[in-house]
Amino acid sequence: MIVTARINVESPAGRKIVRELEKHHKVVEIDNPLPDVKTYSINEAYERGLDQLTTHYCVDIRKLKSKL
């Protein structure tokens, strides 16, 4: 029989339970789901950074970059 449990690891008690389960690696399989967060490619991150710098300094950073 297989039992599925959802444990809140943000609490000390939850972390303690998970640590105890990890000790029994032959019979316990722990799945850590990935968070539902958007990931960005390096180019997307770079463009977002340029956008933030442009907004912060009120100067188009892309134009400054082309002059260097």
N, C-alpha and C. Protein backbone atom coordinates (compact mmCIF):
# COMPACT_ATOMS: atom_id res chain seq x y z
N MET A 1 0.85 -1.17 0.00
CA MET A 1 0.00 0.00 0.00
C MET A 1 0.90 1.24 0.00
N ILE A 2 0.51 2.27 -0.74
CA ILE A 2 1.24 3.54 -0.81
C ILE A 2 0.37 4.64 -0.21
N VAL A 3 0.97 5.46 0.62
CA VAL A 3 0.28 6.57 1.26
C VAL A 3 0.91 7.87 0.77
N THR A 4 0.09 8.82 0.40
CA THR A 4 0.57 10.13 -0.03
C THR A 4 0.20 11.15 1.04
N ALA A 5 1.18 11.92 1.46
CA ALA A 5 0.95 12.95 2.48
C ALA A 5 1.48 14.28 1.98
N ARG A 6 0.81 15.34 2.34
CA ARG A 6 1.28 16.70 2.04
C ARG A 6 1.73 17.31 3.36
N ILE A 7 3.00 17.67 3.44
CA ILE A 7 3.58 18.19 4.68
C ILE A 7 4.05 19.62 4.44
N ASN A 8 3.63 20.51 5.30
CA ASN A 8 4.04 21.91 5.22
C ASN A 8 5.44 22.03 5.82
N VAL A 9 6.45 22.21 4.98
CA VAL A 9 7.83 22.29 5.47
C VAL A 9 8.22 23.70 5.90
N GLU A 10 7.27 24.61 5.92
CA GLU A 10 7.56 25.96 6.40
C GLU A 10 7.48 26.04 7.92
N SER A 11 6.96 24.99 8.55
CA SER A 11 6.90 24.96 10.01
C SER A 11 7.98 24.04 10.55
N PRO A 12 8.45 24.28 11.77
CA PRO A 12 9.47 23.41 12.35
C PRO A 12 9.02 21.95 12.46
N ALA A 13 7.77 21.74 12.81
CA ALA A 13 7.27 20.37 12.94
C ALA A 13 7.28 19.66 11.58
N GLY A 14 6.91 20.37 10.52
CA GLY A 14 6.91 19.79 9.18
C GLY A 14 8.31 19.41 8.74
N ARG A 15 9.27 20.29 9.00
CA ARG A 15 10.67 20.00 8.64
C ARG A 15 11.19 18.79 9.41
N LYS A 16 10.80 18.68 10.67
CA LYS A 16 11.23 17.55 11.49
C LYS A 16 10.66 16.24 10.93
N ILE A 17 9.41 16.25 10.53
CA ILE A 17 8.79 15.05 9.96
C ILE A 17 9.50 14.63 8.68
N VAL A 18 9.81 15.60 7.82
CA VAL A 18 10.50 15.28 6.56
C VAL A 18 11.89 14.74 6.83
N ARG A 19 12.62 15.31 7.77
CA ARG A 19 13.95 14.80 8.12
C ARG A 19 13.87 13.35 8.60
N GLU A 20 12.86 13.06 9.39
CA GLU A 20 12.68 11.70 9.89
C GLU A 20 12.36 10.74 8.74
N LEU A 21 11.52 11.17 7.81
CA LEU A 21 11.18 10.32 6.67
C LEU A 21 12.38 10.08 5.77
N GLU A 22 13.25 11.09 5.61
CA GLU A 22 14.42 10.96 4.76
C GLU A 22 15.39 9.90 5.28
N LYS A 23 15.34 9.59 6.56
CA LYS A 23 16.22 8.58 7.13
C LYS A 23 15.89 7.18 6.61
N HIS A 24 14.67 6.99 6.12
CA HIS A 24 14.20 5.69 5.65
C HIS A 24 14.12 5.68 4.13
N HIS A 25 15.26 5.95 3.49
CA HIS A 25 15.29 6.13 2.04
C HIS A 25 14.94 4.87 1.26
N LYS A 26 15.02 3.70 1.87
CA LYS A 26 14.70 2.46 1.14
C LYS A 26 13.20 2.27 0.96
N VAL A 27 12.40 2.83 1.86
CA VAL A 27 10.95 2.63 1.77
C VAL A 27 10.18 3.93 1.54
N VAL A 28 10.86 5.07 1.63
CA VAL A 28 10.19 6.36 1.47
C VAL A 28 10.75 7.07 0.25
N GLU A 29 9.86 7.54 -0.59
CA GLU A 29 10.25 8.34 -1.76
C GLU A 29 9.63 9.71 -1.59
N ILE A 30 10.46 10.74 -1.58
CA ILE A 30 9.98 12.10 -1.37
C ILE A 30 10.04 12.84 -2.70
N ASP A 31 8.90 13.38 -3.10
CA ASP A 31 8.81 14.19 -4.31
C ASP A 31 8.71 15.65 -3.90
N ASN A 32 9.62 16.46 -4.38
CA ASN A 32 9.58 17.89 -4.13
C ASN A 32 9.12 18.58 -5.41
N PRO A 33 7.86 18.98 -5.48
CA PRO A 33 7.38 19.62 -6.70
C PRO A 33 8.04 20.98 -6.90
N LEU A 34 8.25 21.32 -8.15
CA LEU A 34 8.80 22.64 -8.46
C LEU A 34 7.73 23.69 -8.22
N PRO A 35 8.12 24.86 -7.76
CA PRO A 35 7.13 25.92 -7.55
C PRO A 35 6.59 26.40 -8.90
N ASP A 36 5.37 26.88 -8.89
CA ASP A 36 4.75 27.40 -10.11
C ASP A 36 5.23 28.82 -10.35
N VAL A 37 6.49 28.92 -10.75
CA VAL A 37 7.12 30.22 -10.98
C VAL A 37 7.64 30.25 -12.40
N LYS A 38 7.44 31.38 -13.06
CA LYS A 38 7.94 31.53 -14.42
C LYS A 38 9.46 31.62 -14.38
N THR A 39 10.11 30.86 -15.24
CA THR A 39 11.56 30.96 -15.37
C THR A 39 11.88 31.75 -16.63
N TYR A 40 12.98 32.44 -16.61
CA TYR A 40 13.35 33.31 -17.73
C TYR A 40 14.67 32.85 -18.33
N SER A 41 14.79 32.99 -19.65
CA SER A 41 16.06 32.71 -20.30
C SER A 41 17.02 33.85 -19.98
N ILE A 42 18.28 33.66 -20.29
CA ILE A 42 19.27 34.69 -19.99
C ILE A 42 18.98 35.97 -20.78
N ASN A 43 18.49 35.83 -22.00
CA ASN A 43 18.17 37.01 -22.81
C ASN A 43 16.97 37.75 -22.24
N GLU A 44 15.95 37.00 -21.79
CA GLU A 44 14.78 37.65 -21.18
C GLU A 44 15.17 38.38 -19.90
N ALA A 45 16.03 37.76 -19.09
CA ALA A 45 16.48 38.40 -17.85
C ALA A 45 17.28 39.65 -18.15
N TYR A 46 18.13 39.59 -19.17
CA TYR A 46 18.94 40.75 -19.55
C TYR A 46 18.04 41.90 -20.00
N GLU A 47 17.05 41.60 -20.83
CA GLU A 47 16.14 42.63 -21.32
C GLU A 47 15.33 43.24 -20.16
N ARG A 48 14.89 42.39 -19.24
CA ARG A 48 14.14 42.91 -18.08
C ARG A 48 15.05 43.81 -17.24
N GLY A 49 16.31 43.44 -17.10
CA GLY A 49 17.25 44.27 -16.36
C GLY A 49 17.44 45.63 -17.01
N LEU A 50 17.57 45.63 -18.34
CA LEU A 50 17.69 46.90 -19.07
C LEU A 50 16.44 47.75 -18.89
N ASP A 51 15.27 47.10 -18.91
CA ASP A 51 14.01 47.83 -18.70
C ASP A 51 13.98 48.47 -17.32
N GLN A 52 14.41 47.73 -16.31
CA GLN A 52 14.40 48.26 -14.95
C GLN A 52 15.39 49.41 -14.79
N LEU A 53 16.57 49.27 -15.39
CA LEU A 53 17.55 50.36 -15.33
C LEU A 53 17.03 51.60 -16.04
N THR A 54 16.40 51.40 -17.19
CA THR A 54 15.83 52.52 -17.95
C THR A 54 14.79 53.24 -17.11
N THR A 55 13.92 52.48 -16.46
CA THR A 55 12.88 53.07 -15.61
C THR A 55 13.50 53.79 -14.42
N HIS A 56 14.48 53.18 -13.79
CA HIS A 56 15.07 53.75 -12.58
C HIS A 56 15.83 55.04 -12.86
N TYR A 57 16.61 55.06 -13.94
CA TYR A 57 17.44 56.22 -14.24
C TYR A 57 16.80 57.20 -15.22
N CYS A 58 15.62 56.87 -15.74
CA CYS A 58 14.90 57.72 -16.70
C CYS A 58 15.77 58.04 -17.91
N VAL A 59 16.59 57.10 -18.32
CA VAL A 59 17.45 57.22 -19.49
C VAL A 59 17.38 55.89 -20.22
N ASP A 60 17.27 55.93 -21.55
CA ASP A 60 17.20 54.69 -22.31
C ASP A 60 18.58 54.03 -22.30
N ILE A 61 18.73 53.00 -21.52
CA ILE A 61 20.02 52.33 -21.34
C ILE A 61 20.47 51.67 -22.63
N ARG A 62 19.54 51.23 -23.47
CA ARG A 62 19.92 50.59 -24.74
C ARG A 62 20.66 51.58 -25.65
N LYS A 63 20.25 52.83 -25.64
CA LYS A 63 20.94 53.85 -26.45
C LYS A 63 22.32 54.14 -25.89
N LEU A 64 22.45 54.18 -24.57
CA LEU A 64 23.77 54.40 -23.97
C LEU A 64 24.70 53.24 -24.28
N LYS A 65 24.18 52.03 -24.25
CA LYS A 65 24.99 50.85 -24.50
C LYS A 65 25.56 50.86 -25.92
N SER A 66 24.76 51.32 -26.89
CA SER A 66 25.22 51.33 -28.28
C SER A 66 26.33 52.37 -28.50
N LYS A 67 26.41 53.41 -27.67
CA LYS A 67 27.44 54.43 -27.82
C LYS A 67 28.79 53.99 -27.25
N LEU A 68 28.76 53.00 -26.36
CA LEU A 68 30.01 52.56 -25.72
C LEU A 68 30.83 51.70 -26.62
